[in-house]
Amino acid sequence: MSATRRTLMLAFAAVGAISIGACGSAEKKDSSGAALTEKTISIPFVSDMSVPDPDVFYDVEGNAVTLSVYEGLVRYKPDTTEIVGDLAKSWEVSDDKKTYTFALQDGVTFHSGAPMTSKDVKASFERRKTLGQGSSYMLAGVKSMETPDDSTFVINLKEPQLPFMHYLASQWGPRVIGPEALVENAGDDQAQKYLSTHEDGTGPYELTEFDRGTQYTLTAYDGYWGAKPYYTTVNLKITPDVNTQQIQLKGGDLAMMLHAYPASDLKSAEDDPNLKVETPETAATLITYLNTNKAPFDDPKARAAVAGVIDREAIVSQAYGDTAKVAAGPYPPAMLADQPELPYGTGVPAGSEDIGKGKKILLSYAADEVATLGRVSQLLQSQLKEIGYDVVIKEVPHAQVYDWVEGAEKGPDIFLLTNNPDAAHPDTWAGINWGTKGGTNLLAYSDPKVDDMLATALSQDSEEQADEIYREIGQEVVDANAQLFIANVRDTIVYNAGIAGVTHTPLYPWVVDLDQLKPAE
C-alpha cells in the first residue's frame, strides 16, 4: 500500500523467534505454542523498509518502526481521525490561522539521554525542509519558526493552510530527532548516512538492531516519558513468504501478522481458538494506474475502453472477500462526502471492441502485496482480453516504482497499488496522487487544470469551500480514466489470542501501537 511508498525486497532465510525468559526461567506458552509471559514478541514484515530515517522514509511497511521510535507534535487518536497531542501537550492557533504555538511535554528525553527542547523541534523541522524528500511538502508553507523558550515552539505559515494540523498528525509527518544524530553525527549529508541504520528519537522503543533482509529489533526505552511498554523487545522479522508467516503464527513463533493474511484463509483463522482476527477500516484504496505517457494509454479512447470492461465486483469478491468494498468514489469514503460516481464496467464504448487487438502490454504490481495483487492481476489480465490485449504480468519491488514518477516512459502500461492518503484531509490524497509533482502520482498523470484547482483548494477560508473544489478535482480525474479506483481495502490483523491491547488508527495502515500490547488476562 503505498501500501509501501518505497521498499526494497531482499531474500530471507527463515529465522526462529527470539524469546527471553525472566531470570532464565522457562517461558510459558498457551496451547498454540505462543509465548505469553516473556517480554519478547516477534512480528513479520513482508519486505524491508527503505531506511528508518523519518525524513526520508515514505513507505508503509516500516511504519511500525518509525512510529515506535520517533514522535511528532501531534497524532491521530486510535480508531479516529481526531488530532491529539503527542510531544505537544497543547497548542493555540492565531485568528488569522497563520501562527501555531505549541506547548511541549515536560521531561522528554531522546534515546541518547539528552533532554528535548524546542530547539530540537526546530532543528528537526528545518532538516525536513532542507532534505526536500517526498513528505517535505507538508512543511512547504512554513515561513519561519521560533523558540521563545525551551518548552514553546512556534510555527509561522506564509498563508493559512486548512490541512496543516493533519500534516503534523500524518504517519509521515515531521518527527523530532535528537542532537546525537543531527549534531554529533551530522556528517556532510544532514545525518542521512547515520540515520539510515541508527536513530535518536523520543518514542517508547529504541531501534537496537537494523539487519537489512533479516530482522529489526526494537527495545523498550527505560527513560521514556510516557507509559512504559509491557514487551521490552519486539523482533520485526523480514519474511517475504506469507505462507511461512502463517505457519509461524499458528506455531506460536509470531505474535501477529499486521497485513497480507490471505482473504481465502480468514475463515479458518476466525475458527481457530488460538487466533483472533480484526479487519478495521482504513483509508486505503486499490488503484489501477494507466500510463498516459506512452501508447496505448496516451489515447483517451484506450483508457475509456479499460474503464468500460473492468469488473470491480468480480475483483473484490474473488481477491478480497469481505476485507474490501467496491470503491464508491475517487477519494477514500470517510474523507469527502458526495463524491463523483465511478462509471466503470458499463461496457466497451462503440468502436473500441478490438482496441487492444495485437497489442502486448505490461501490467505490474507491488511486490509487498503479492498475495492479493497477484490475484487481482490475473483477473485484470482475463478482463482485458475482452478488448484484445495480451497482458504480461510482472511483480516489481517498490524501490523501482518511484523512479517512474520522473520517468514514466520507463514504467509499465498498467500498475496496481493499494495506496493510502498521507492524512485525513482531502489535500493529502488529491495532491500526492493527482498533482503533477505528487509523490505517489506513480505514472506521472498530469493535468494543468487539476494543478490549478489543487492550489485554489488549499487557500480557501473554509473546509466547505475547499471540499467543493476537491469534488470538482475528483470529477476531472474520473473523466480522465488515468487512475481507476477499484476497492476500499480494510486492514487485516491476525494475532495470537494470548495478546491484548491491539489498537489501530485508520490513517496508520499496517500498524498497531506496539507499546500498548500486553498479554491477555
Protein backbone atom coordinates (compact mmCIF):
# COMPACT_ATOMS: atom_id res chain seq x y z
CA MET A 1 0.00 0.00 0.00
CA SER A 2 1.81 2.83 -0.72
CA ALA A 3 0.97 0.40 0.90
CA THR A 4 4.55 0.95 0.56
CA ARG A 5 5.73 4.12 -1.00
CA ARG A 6 9.26 2.82 -1.38
CA THR A 7 10.73 -0.52 -0.24
CA LEU A 8 13.47 -2.95 -1.12
CA MET A 9 12.75 -6.67 -1.36
CA LEU A 10 15.65 -8.80 -0.24
CA ALA A 11 15.99 -12.56 0.16
CA PHE A 12 15.14 -14.02 3.55
CA ALA A 13 16.14 -17.23 5.28
CA ALA A 14 13.54 -18.20 7.88
CA VAL A 15 14.69 -17.42 11.41
CA GLY A 16 13.00 -18.66 14.56
CA ALA A 17 11.60 -16.15 17.04
CA ILE A 18 13.90 -15.00 19.81
CA SER A 19 12.42 -15.28 23.30
CA ILE A 20 13.82 -14.06 26.61
CA GLY A 21 12.62 -15.59 29.87
CA ALA A 22 12.96 -13.66 33.11
CA CYS A 23 15.93 -14.85 35.18
CA GLY A 24 16.44 -17.72 32.75
CA SER A 25 13.14 -19.37 33.62
CA ALA A 26 11.29 -21.40 31.00
CA GLU A 27 8.73 -19.37 29.09
CA LYS A 28 5.06 -20.23 29.42
CA LYS A 29 3.06 -20.97 26.30
CA ASP A 30 -0.60 -21.43 25.51
CA SER A 31 -1.98 -24.40 23.57
CA SER A 32 -0.83 -22.87 20.29
CA GLY A 33 2.75 -22.74 21.50
CA ALA A 34 2.80 -18.96 21.66
CA ALA A 35 4.88 -17.36 24.38
CA LEU A 36 2.67 -15.23 26.61
CA THR A 37 4.59 -14.23 29.70
CA GLU A 38 8.10 -13.42 28.49
CA LYS A 39 8.83 -9.86 27.45
CA THR A 40 9.71 -10.56 23.78
CA ILE A 41 7.39 -10.85 20.80
CA SER A 42 8.06 -11.27 17.09
CA ILE A 43 6.12 -9.73 14.19
CA PRO A 44 6.84 -10.22 10.46
CA PHE A 45 7.37 -7.69 7.70
CA VAL A 46 6.79 -8.85 4.12
CA SER A 47 9.64 -6.66 2.89
CA ASP A 48 12.40 -4.37 4.11
CA MET A 49 11.69 -0.74 4.82
CA SER A 50 13.87 1.66 2.86
CA VAL A 51 15.58 3.44 5.75
CA PRO A 52 14.48 4.26 9.33
CA ASP A 53 15.18 7.96 8.72
CA PRO A 54 11.79 9.66 9.31
CA ASP A 55 12.57 12.49 6.89
CA VAL A 56 13.37 10.06 4.05
CA PHE A 57 11.10 7.11 4.86
CA TYR A 58 7.85 7.30 2.86
CA ASP A 59 6.71 3.69 2.92
CA VAL A 60 4.01 1.80 4.78
CA GLU A 61 5.96 -1.36 5.52
CA GLY A 62 8.17 0.03 8.26
CA ASN A 63 5.78 2.45 9.92
CA ALA A 64 5.77 0.16 12.95
CA VAL A 65 9.43 1.15 13.36
CA THR A 66 9.22 4.90 12.79
CA LEU A 67 6.02 5.33 14.84
CA SER A 68 7.53 3.40 17.76
CA VAL A 69 10.93 5.09 17.73
CA TYR A 70 10.00 8.68 16.86
CA GLU A 71 7.22 11.04 17.88
CA GLY A 72 5.75 14.22 16.43
CA LEU A 73 3.95 17.14 17.96
CA VAL A 74 0.52 15.58 17.44
CA ARG A 75 -1.03 12.36 16.20
CA TYR A 76 -4.41 10.79 15.46
CA LYS A 77 -6.26 9.23 18.34
CA PRO A 78 -6.68 5.45 17.83
CA ASP A 79 -9.80 4.43 15.89
CA THR A 80 -10.50 8.05 14.89
CA THR A 81 -9.27 10.99 12.83
CA GLU A 82 -9.28 13.21 15.92
CA ILE A 83 -5.97 15.06 16.38
CA VAL A 84 -4.50 14.77 19.89
CA GLY A 85 -1.25 15.89 21.48
CA ASP A 86 1.91 13.83 21.40
CA LEU A 87 5.12 15.77 22.13
CA ALA A 88 2.89 18.84 22.28
CA LYS A 89 0.62 18.88 25.32
CA SER A 90 -1.43 21.79 23.93
CA TRP A 91 -1.45 24.31 21.10
CA GLU A 92 -3.06 27.56 20.00
CA VAL A 93 -3.83 28.88 16.52
CA SER A 94 -3.93 32.60 15.79
CA ASP A 95 -7.08 34.27 14.49
CA ASP A 96 -5.52 34.62 11.03
CA LYS A 97 -4.67 30.88 11.06
CA LYS A 98 -1.05 31.59 10.24
CA THR A 99 0.65 31.13 13.62
CA TYR A 100 0.67 27.87 15.60
CA THR A 101 2.08 27.90 19.15
CA PHE A 102 2.85 24.54 20.77
CA ALA A 103 3.49 23.91 24.47
CA LEU A 104 5.82 20.92 24.73
CA GLN A 105 5.61 17.99 27.12
CA ASP A 106 7.81 18.08 30.22
CA GLY A 107 10.55 15.57 30.97
CA VAL A 108 11.05 14.23 27.44
CA THR A 109 14.47 12.80 26.61
CA PHE A 110 15.98 11.38 23.46
CA HIS A 111 17.28 7.83 23.40
CA SER A 112 20.77 9.30 23.80
CA GLY A 113 19.63 10.67 27.15
CA ALA A 114 19.68 14.32 26.07
CA PRO A 115 16.64 16.39 27.14
CA MET A 116 14.31 17.54 24.36
CA THR A 117 13.83 21.29 23.93
CA SER A 118 12.08 23.47 21.41
CA LYS A 119 15.42 23.99 19.66
CA ASP A 120 15.48 20.26 18.85
CA VAL A 121 11.99 20.50 17.37
CA LYS A 122 13.05 23.45 15.22
CA ALA A 123 16.23 21.68 14.06
CA SER A 124 14.17 18.61 13.09
CA PHE A 125 11.63 20.63 11.12
CA GLU A 126 14.41 22.57 9.37
CA ARG A 127 16.10 19.31 8.36
CA ARG A 128 12.92 18.02 6.75
CA LYS A 129 12.52 21.21 4.74
CA THR A 130 16.17 21.11 3.68
CA LEU A 131 16.20 17.47 2.58
CA GLY A 132 13.16 18.01 0.36
CA GLN A 133 12.10 14.34 0.31
CA GLY A 134 8.58 13.11 -0.54
CA SER A 135 6.91 14.18 2.72
CA SER A 136 8.66 17.57 2.87
CA TYR A 137 5.67 19.18 1.11
CA MET A 138 3.95 19.18 4.50
CA LEU A 139 6.26 21.99 5.63
CA ALA A 140 6.46 23.87 2.32
CA GLY A 141 4.08 26.52 3.63
CA VAL A 142 6.19 27.30 6.70
CA LYS A 143 7.58 30.84 6.66
CA SER A 144 9.55 30.79 9.91
CA MET A 145 9.88 29.03 13.26
CA GLU A 146 10.57 30.43 16.72
CA THR A 147 11.72 29.02 20.08
CA PRO A 148 10.83 31.67 22.68
CA ASP A 149 11.79 29.24 25.46
CA ASP A 150 12.73 25.58 25.83
CA SER A 151 9.10 24.49 26.22
CA THR A 152 7.47 26.57 23.46
CA PHE A 153 7.66 26.08 19.71
CA VAL A 154 6.06 28.49 17.24
CA ILE A 155 5.37 27.95 13.53
CA ASN A 156 4.51 30.85 11.23
CA LEU A 157 2.89 29.98 7.90
CA LYS A 158 3.17 32.00 4.71
CA GLU A 159 -0.57 31.69 4.21
CA PRO A 160 -3.35 29.84 6.07
CA GLN A 161 -3.44 26.11 5.26
CA LEU A 162 -6.55 24.15 6.17
CA PRO A 163 -4.78 20.76 6.29
CA PHE A 164 -1.74 21.91 8.28
CA MET A 165 -2.56 20.13 11.55
CA HIS A 166 -3.34 16.99 9.56
CA TYR A 167 0.14 17.22 8.03
CA LEU A 168 1.60 17.20 11.52
CA ALA A 169 -0.56 14.23 12.57
CA SER A 170 0.32 12.17 9.50
CA GLN A 171 2.18 8.90 9.89
CA TRP A 172 4.79 10.58 7.67
CA GLY A 173 4.51 13.90 9.47
CA PRO A 174 7.52 15.71 10.94
CA ARG A 175 9.26 13.77 13.71
CA VAL A 176 11.62 15.13 16.36
CA ILE A 177 15.21 13.88 16.08
CA GLY A 178 17.86 14.32 18.76
CA PRO A 179 21.28 16.02 18.71
CA GLU A 180 23.20 12.73 18.77
CA ALA A 181 22.08 12.33 15.16
CA LEU A 182 21.67 15.90 13.91
CA VAL A 183 24.76 17.38 15.59
CA GLU A 184 27.21 14.69 16.65
CA ASN A 185 26.70 12.52 13.54
CA ALA A 186 25.56 15.14 11.02
CA GLY A 187 28.44 14.47 8.62
CA ASP A 188 28.14 16.31 5.34
CA ASP A 189 24.68 14.96 4.49
CA GLN A 190 22.44 16.17 7.34
CA ALA A 191 22.93 12.82 9.14
CA GLN A 192 21.35 10.81 6.31
CA LYS A 193 24.06 8.15 6.37
CA TYR A 194 23.87 7.83 10.15
CA LEU A 195 20.07 7.68 10.26
CA SER A 196 19.94 5.03 7.54
CA THR A 197 20.86 2.47 10.23
CA HIS A 198 20.62 4.41 13.53
CA GLU A 199 18.10 6.62 15.32
CA ASP A 200 17.75 9.18 18.09
CA GLY A 201 14.07 9.57 18.78
CA THR A 202 11.88 10.08 21.84
CA GLY A 203 9.49 7.13 21.37
CA PRO A 204 8.75 4.19 23.67
CA TYR A 205 11.18 1.96 21.75
CA GLU A 206 14.77 2.26 20.60
CA LEU A 207 15.94 0.69 17.35
CA THR A 208 18.77 -1.51 18.62
CA GLU A 209 19.28 -3.70 15.54
CA PHE A 210 18.80 -2.99 11.85
CA ASP A 211 19.86 -6.08 9.94
CA ARG A 212 18.53 -5.49 6.44
CA GLY A 213 16.90 -8.52 4.89
CA THR A 214 16.71 -10.39 8.19
CA GLN A 215 15.43 -8.55 11.26
CA TYR A 216 14.99 -5.23 13.04
CA THR A 217 14.92 -5.18 16.84
CA LEU A 218 13.06 -2.65 18.98
CA THR A 219 13.98 -2.41 22.67
CA ALA A 220 11.87 -0.55 25.23
CA TYR A 221 13.46 2.77 26.22
CA ASP A 222 13.93 2.93 30.00
CA GLY A 223 13.77 6.72 30.04
CA TYR A 224 10.53 7.07 28.11
CA TRP A 225 8.41 9.99 29.29
CA GLY A 226 5.09 8.18 28.90
CA ALA A 227 3.73 4.82 30.00
CA LYS A 228 6.29 2.03 29.63
CA PRO A 229 5.57 -0.83 27.18
CA TYR A 230 4.93 -4.31 28.56
CA TYR A 231 7.03 -6.00 25.90
CA THR A 232 10.64 -4.96 26.25
CA THR A 233 11.77 -6.47 22.94
CA VAL A 234 9.97 -6.58 19.59
CA ASN A 235 11.66 -8.52 16.78
CA LEU A 236 10.46 -7.47 13.33
CA LYS A 237 11.36 -10.33 11.00
CA ILE A 238 11.68 -9.86 7.24
CA THR A 239 9.58 -12.77 5.97
CA PRO A 240 8.53 -12.34 2.31
CA ASP A 241 6.68 -15.65 2.12
CA VAL A 242 3.17 -15.24 3.53
CA ASN A 243 2.73 -19.00 3.93
CA THR A 244 5.79 -19.05 6.16
CA GLN A 245 4.30 -16.23 8.21
CA GLN A 246 1.06 -18.18 8.66
CA ILE A 247 2.89 -21.32 9.77
CA GLN A 248 4.99 -19.37 12.27
CA LEU A 249 1.92 -17.53 13.60
CA LYS A 250 -0.02 -20.74 14.14
CA GLY A 251 3.05 -22.35 15.69
CA GLY A 252 3.42 -19.54 18.19
CA ASP A 253 6.68 -18.13 16.87
CA LEU A 254 4.96 -14.92 15.77
CA ALA A 255 2.61 -12.78 17.83
CA MET A 256 0.67 -11.34 14.89
CA MET A 257 0.51 -10.58 11.18
CA LEU A 258 -0.21 -6.92 10.52
CA HIS A 259 -1.26 -7.44 6.88
CA ALA A 260 -1.06 -9.82 3.91
CA TYR A 261 -3.09 -12.61 5.54
CA PRO A 262 -4.84 -14.27 2.56
CA ALA A 263 -8.55 -13.48 2.46
CA SER A 264 -9.26 -17.09 1.50
CA ASP A 265 -7.77 -18.26 4.81
CA LEU A 266 -9.51 -15.81 7.13
CA LYS A 267 -12.46 -18.09 7.88
CA SER A 268 -10.18 -20.79 9.23
CA ALA A 269 -8.29 -18.20 11.27
CA GLU A 270 -11.57 -16.95 12.75
CA ASP A 271 -12.47 -20.52 13.66
CA ASP A 272 -9.10 -21.14 15.35
CA PRO A 273 -9.48 -20.62 19.14
CA ASN A 274 -5.80 -19.69 19.37
CA LEU A 275 -6.14 -16.77 16.94
CA LYS A 276 -8.06 -13.52 16.76
CA VAL A 277 -8.91 -11.60 13.59
CA GLU A 278 -9.63 -7.91 13.21
CA THR A 279 -10.41 -6.13 9.93
CA PRO A 280 -10.54 -2.43 10.84
CA GLU A 281 -11.48 0.31 8.41
CA THR A 282 -8.68 2.21 6.71
CA ALA A 283 -8.39 4.88 4.03
CA ALA A 284 -6.55 2.51 1.68
CA THR A 285 -7.74 2.28 -1.93
CA LEU A 286 -6.70 -0.14 -4.66
CA ILE A 287 -5.85 1.90 -7.76
CA THR A 288 -5.21 0.79 -11.33
CA TYR A 289 -2.76 3.32 -12.79
CA LEU A 290 -2.74 3.68 -16.59
CA ASN A 291 0.40 5.10 -18.17
CA THR A 292 -0.71 8.18 -20.11
CA ASN A 293 2.84 8.97 -21.20
CA LYS A 294 3.08 6.35 -23.93
CA ALA A 295 0.97 4.16 -26.20
CA PRO A 296 -1.55 2.66 -25.89
CA PHE A 297 -2.89 4.60 -22.89
CA ASP A 298 -1.87 8.04 -24.09
CA ASP A 299 -5.09 7.65 -26.10
CA PRO A 300 -8.22 8.59 -24.05
CA LYS A 301 -10.24 6.04 -26.06
CA ALA A 302 -7.96 3.23 -24.92
CA ARG A 303 -8.33 4.30 -21.29
CA ALA A 304 -12.11 4.55 -21.63
CA ALA A 305 -12.22 1.02 -23.03
CA VAL A 306 -10.38 -0.32 -19.97
CA ALA A 307 -12.76 1.55 -17.66
CA GLY A 308 -15.71 0.11 -19.57
CA VAL A 309 -14.61 -3.51 -19.38
CA ILE A 310 -13.27 -3.65 -15.85
CA ASP A 311 -15.38 -5.72 -13.44
CA ARG A 312 -14.67 -4.42 -9.95
CA GLU A 313 -17.27 -6.60 -8.25
CA ALA A 314 -15.51 -9.72 -9.52
CA ILE A 315 -12.12 -8.39 -8.39
CA VAL A 316 -13.34 -7.62 -4.88
CA SER A 317 -15.23 -10.85 -4.38
CA GLN A 318 -12.51 -13.12 -5.76
CA ALA A 319 -9.41 -11.36 -4.38
CA TYR A 320 -10.61 -9.73 -1.17
CA GLY A 321 -13.81 -11.34 0.02
CA ASP A 322 -15.17 -9.37 2.98
CA THR A 323 -11.95 -7.39 3.51
CA ALA A 324 -12.76 -4.77 0.84
CA LYS A 325 -15.68 -2.98 -0.81
CA VAL A 326 -16.05 -1.69 -4.34
CA ALA A 327 -14.89 1.93 -4.32
CA ALA A 328 -17.75 4.41 -4.49
CA GLY A 329 -15.68 7.45 -5.47
CA PRO A 330 -12.17 8.69 -6.23
CA TYR A 331 -11.45 9.58 -2.56
CA PRO A 332 -11.44 7.26 0.47
CA PRO A 333 -15.07 7.14 1.63
CA ALA A 334 -14.72 8.94 5.00
CA MET A 335 -12.63 11.75 3.53
CA LEU A 336 -15.20 13.55 1.40
CA ALA A 337 -18.99 13.44 1.16
CA ASP A 338 -20.96 13.45 -2.12
CA GLN A 339 -18.12 12.20 -4.29
CA PRO A 340 -18.29 11.84 -8.08
CA GLU A 341 -19.60 8.49 -9.22
CA LEU A 342 -17.32 5.96 -10.90
CA PRO A 343 -18.84 4.91 -14.26
CA TYR A 344 -16.79 1.72 -14.66
CA GLY A 345 -17.91 -1.61 -16.05
CA THR A 346 -20.63 -0.08 -18.21
CA GLY A 347 -19.46 -1.78 -21.37
CA VAL A 348 -16.93 -1.07 -24.08
CA PRO A 349 -17.56 2.18 -25.97
CA ALA A 350 -18.76 1.69 -29.54
CA GLY A 351 -15.87 1.25 -31.94
CA SER A 352 -13.41 0.11 -29.23
CA GLU A 353 -14.32 -3.59 -29.12
CA ASP A 354 -10.94 -4.64 -30.55
CA ILE A 355 -8.88 -1.64 -29.47
CA GLY A 356 -6.22 -3.87 -27.92
CA LYS A 357 -6.06 -6.47 -30.70
CA GLY A 358 -2.49 -7.47 -31.44
CA LYS A 359 -1.08 -5.35 -28.61
CA LYS A 360 1.04 -6.76 -25.80
CA ILE A 361 1.01 -4.65 -22.62
CA LEU A 362 2.80 -4.93 -19.28
CA LEU A 363 0.82 -5.00 -16.04
CA SER A 364 2.93 -4.70 -12.87
CA TYR A 365 2.02 -4.81 -9.22
CA ALA A 366 3.71 -4.06 -5.91
CA ALA A 367 5.77 -6.93 -4.50
CA ASP A 368 4.76 -6.40 -0.88
CA GLU A 369 1.16 -7.24 -1.74
CA VAL A 370 1.87 -10.33 -3.80
CA ALA A 371 -0.76 -12.49 -2.09
CA THR A 372 -3.63 -10.20 -3.12
CA LEU A 373 -2.42 -8.17 -6.06
CA GLY A 374 -1.10 -11.26 -7.81
CA ARG A 375 -4.68 -12.49 -7.92
CA VAL A 376 -6.04 -9.07 -8.95
CA SER A 377 -3.52 -9.00 -11.81
CA GLN A 378 -4.77 -12.34 -13.10
CA LEU A 379 -8.36 -11.14 -13.02
CA LEU A 380 -7.48 -7.94 -14.90
CA GLN A 381 -5.49 -9.96 -17.41
CA SER A 382 -8.60 -12.01 -18.15
CA GLN A 383 -10.91 -8.98 -18.32
CA LEU A 384 -8.65 -7.06 -20.72
CA LYS A 385 -8.63 -9.99 -23.14
CA GLU A 386 -12.19 -8.95 -23.94
CA ILE A 387 -10.85 -5.93 -25.80
CA GLY A 388 -7.92 -7.77 -27.36
CA TYR A 389 -4.98 -7.02 -25.04
CA ASP A 390 -2.27 -9.62 -24.46
CA VAL A 391 -1.35 -8.79 -20.85
CA VAL A 392 2.03 -9.78 -19.40
CA ILE A 393 2.18 -9.70 -15.59
CA LYS A 394 5.26 -8.72 -13.60
CA GLU A 395 5.86 -8.27 -9.87
CA VAL A 396 8.10 -5.29 -9.07
CA PRO A 397 9.82 -4.03 -5.88
CA HIS A 398 8.90 -0.60 -4.64
CA ALA A 399 12.47 0.58 -4.97
CA GLN A 400 11.74 0.62 -8.70
CA VAL A 401 8.26 2.15 -8.52
CA TYR A 402 9.30 5.66 -7.52
CA ASP A 403 11.62 6.00 -10.49
CA TRP A 404 8.52 6.19 -12.66
CA VAL A 405 7.33 9.47 -11.14
CA GLU A 406 10.13 11.26 -13.01
CA GLY A 407 10.40 8.79 -15.89
CA ALA A 408 7.01 7.27 -16.61
CA GLU A 409 8.05 6.22 -20.12
CA LYS A 410 10.13 3.52 -18.41
CA GLY A 411 7.17 2.32 -16.37
CA PRO A 412 4.64 -0.39 -17.16
CA ASP A 413 1.48 0.22 -19.14
CA ILE A 414 -0.64 -0.59 -16.08
CA PHE A 415 0.35 -0.60 -12.43
CA LEU A 416 -1.58 -1.87 -9.41
CA LEU A 417 -1.07 -0.47 -5.94
CA THR A 418 -3.10 -0.16 -2.76
CA ASN A 419 -2.46 3.45 -1.91
CA ASN A 420 -3.44 5.46 1.11
CA PRO A 421 -3.58 9.18 1.89
CA ASP A 422 -0.92 10.86 3.99
CA ALA A 423 -3.59 12.09 6.41
CA ALA A 424 -7.35 12.59 6.82
CA HIS A 425 -7.65 15.78 4.76
CA PRO A 426 -8.58 15.61 1.01
CA ASP A 427 -5.42 17.53 0.09
CA THR A 428 -3.31 14.64 1.38
CA TRP A 429 -4.93 12.36 -1.20
CA ALA A 430 -5.60 14.63 -4.16
CA GLY A 431 -2.29 16.46 -4.02
CA ILE A 432 0.01 13.44 -3.81
CA ASN A 433 -1.93 11.29 -6.29
CA TRP A 434 -3.14 13.74 -8.93
CA GLY A 435 -0.86 16.75 -8.74
CA THR A 436 1.77 16.78 -11.48
CA LYS A 437 4.51 16.70 -8.84
CA GLY A 438 2.63 14.45 -6.42
CA GLY A 439 4.82 11.92 -4.61
CA THR A 440 2.50 8.98 -5.31
CA ASN A 441 1.40 10.05 -8.80
CA LEU A 442 3.30 6.98 -9.86
CA LEU A 443 2.83 7.01 -13.64
CA ALA A 444 3.05 10.81 -13.89
CA TYR A 445 -0.55 11.73 -14.79
CA SER A 446 -0.60 15.47 -15.43
CA ASP A 447 -3.43 17.95 -15.91
CA PRO A 448 -2.71 21.71 -15.50
CA LYS A 449 -6.36 22.30 -14.65
CA VAL A 450 -6.13 19.87 -11.74
CA ASP A 451 -2.90 21.52 -10.56
CA ASP A 452 -4.57 24.94 -10.55
CA MET A 453 -7.61 23.66 -8.67
CA LEU A 454 -5.39 21.96 -6.06
CA ALA A 455 -3.68 25.27 -5.35
CA THR A 456 -7.03 27.05 -5.15
CA ALA A 457 -8.49 24.50 -2.74
CA LEU A 458 -5.51 24.78 -0.44
CA SER A 459 -6.02 28.51 0.02
CA GLN A 460 -9.75 28.50 0.82
CA ASP A 461 -11.09 30.08 4.02
CA SER A 462 -13.38 27.19 4.93
CA GLU A 463 -13.45 23.42 4.63
CA GLU A 464 -16.84 23.64 2.89
CA GLN A 465 -15.43 25.83 0.12
CA ALA A 466 -12.40 23.61 -0.25
CA ASP A 467 -14.48 20.41 -0.34
CA GLU A 468 -16.50 21.69 -3.28
CA ILE A 469 -13.27 22.22 -5.22
CA TYR A 470 -11.99 18.78 -4.23
CA ARG A 471 -15.19 17.29 -5.67
CA GLU A 472 -14.52 19.11 -8.95
CA ILE A 473 -10.96 17.82 -8.95
CA GLY A 474 -12.24 14.30 -8.39
CA GLN A 475 -14.59 14.61 -11.37
CA GLU A 476 -11.71 15.72 -13.61
CA VAL A 477 -9.68 12.70 -12.55
CA VAL A 478 -12.58 10.29 -13.03
CA ASP A 479 -13.21 11.66 -16.50
CA ALA A 480 -9.54 11.25 -17.46
CA ASN A 481 -9.52 7.50 -16.65
CA ALA A 482 -5.79 7.73 -15.87
CA GLN A 483 -6.35 6.20 -12.43
CA LEU A 484 -9.18 3.74 -11.88
CA PHE A 485 -10.39 3.33 -8.32
CA ILE A 486 -11.16 -0.30 -7.67
CA ALA A 487 -11.70 -1.02 -3.98
CA ASN A 488 -11.59 0.43 -0.48
CA VAL A 489 -9.48 -2.04 1.47
CA ARG A 490 -9.52 -2.88 5.16
CA ASP A 491 -6.50 -3.80 7.23
CA THR A 492 -6.36 -7.46 8.19
CA ILE A 493 -4.72 -8.14 11.54
CA VAL A 494 -4.46 -11.75 12.70
CA TYR A 495 -2.90 -12.29 16.10
CA ASN A 496 -2.40 -14.76 18.91
CA ALA A 497 -5.37 -15.00 21.25
CA GLY A 498 -2.99 -14.54 24.16
CA ILE A 499 -2.28 -10.96 23.07
CA ALA A 500 -4.35 -7.96 24.22
CA GLY A 501 -4.10 -4.20 23.77
CA VAL A 502 -4.37 -4.24 19.97
CA THR A 503 -5.15 -0.66 18.91
CA HIS A 504 -5.45 0.62 15.35
CA THR A 505 -5.61 4.05 13.73
CA PRO A 506 -7.35 4.25 10.32
CA LEU A 507 -4.74 6.62 8.84
CA TYR A 508 -1.82 4.46 10.05
CA PRO A 509 -2.22 1.26 7.98
CA TRP A 510 -0.31 -1.94 8.74
CA VAL A 511 0.44 -0.64 12.24
CA VAL A 512 -0.70 -1.29 15.78
CA ASP A 513 0.60 0.61 18.79
CA LEU A 514 3.34 -1.78 19.90
CA ASP A 515 3.68 -0.05 23.26
CA GLN A 516 0.03 -0.90 24.05
CA LEU A 517 0.38 -4.65 23.54
CA LYS A 518 0.24 -6.92 26.57
CA PRO A 519 -0.72 -10.50 27.50
CA ALA A 520 -4.43 -11.20 27.66
CA GLU A 521 -5.74 -11.77 31.16
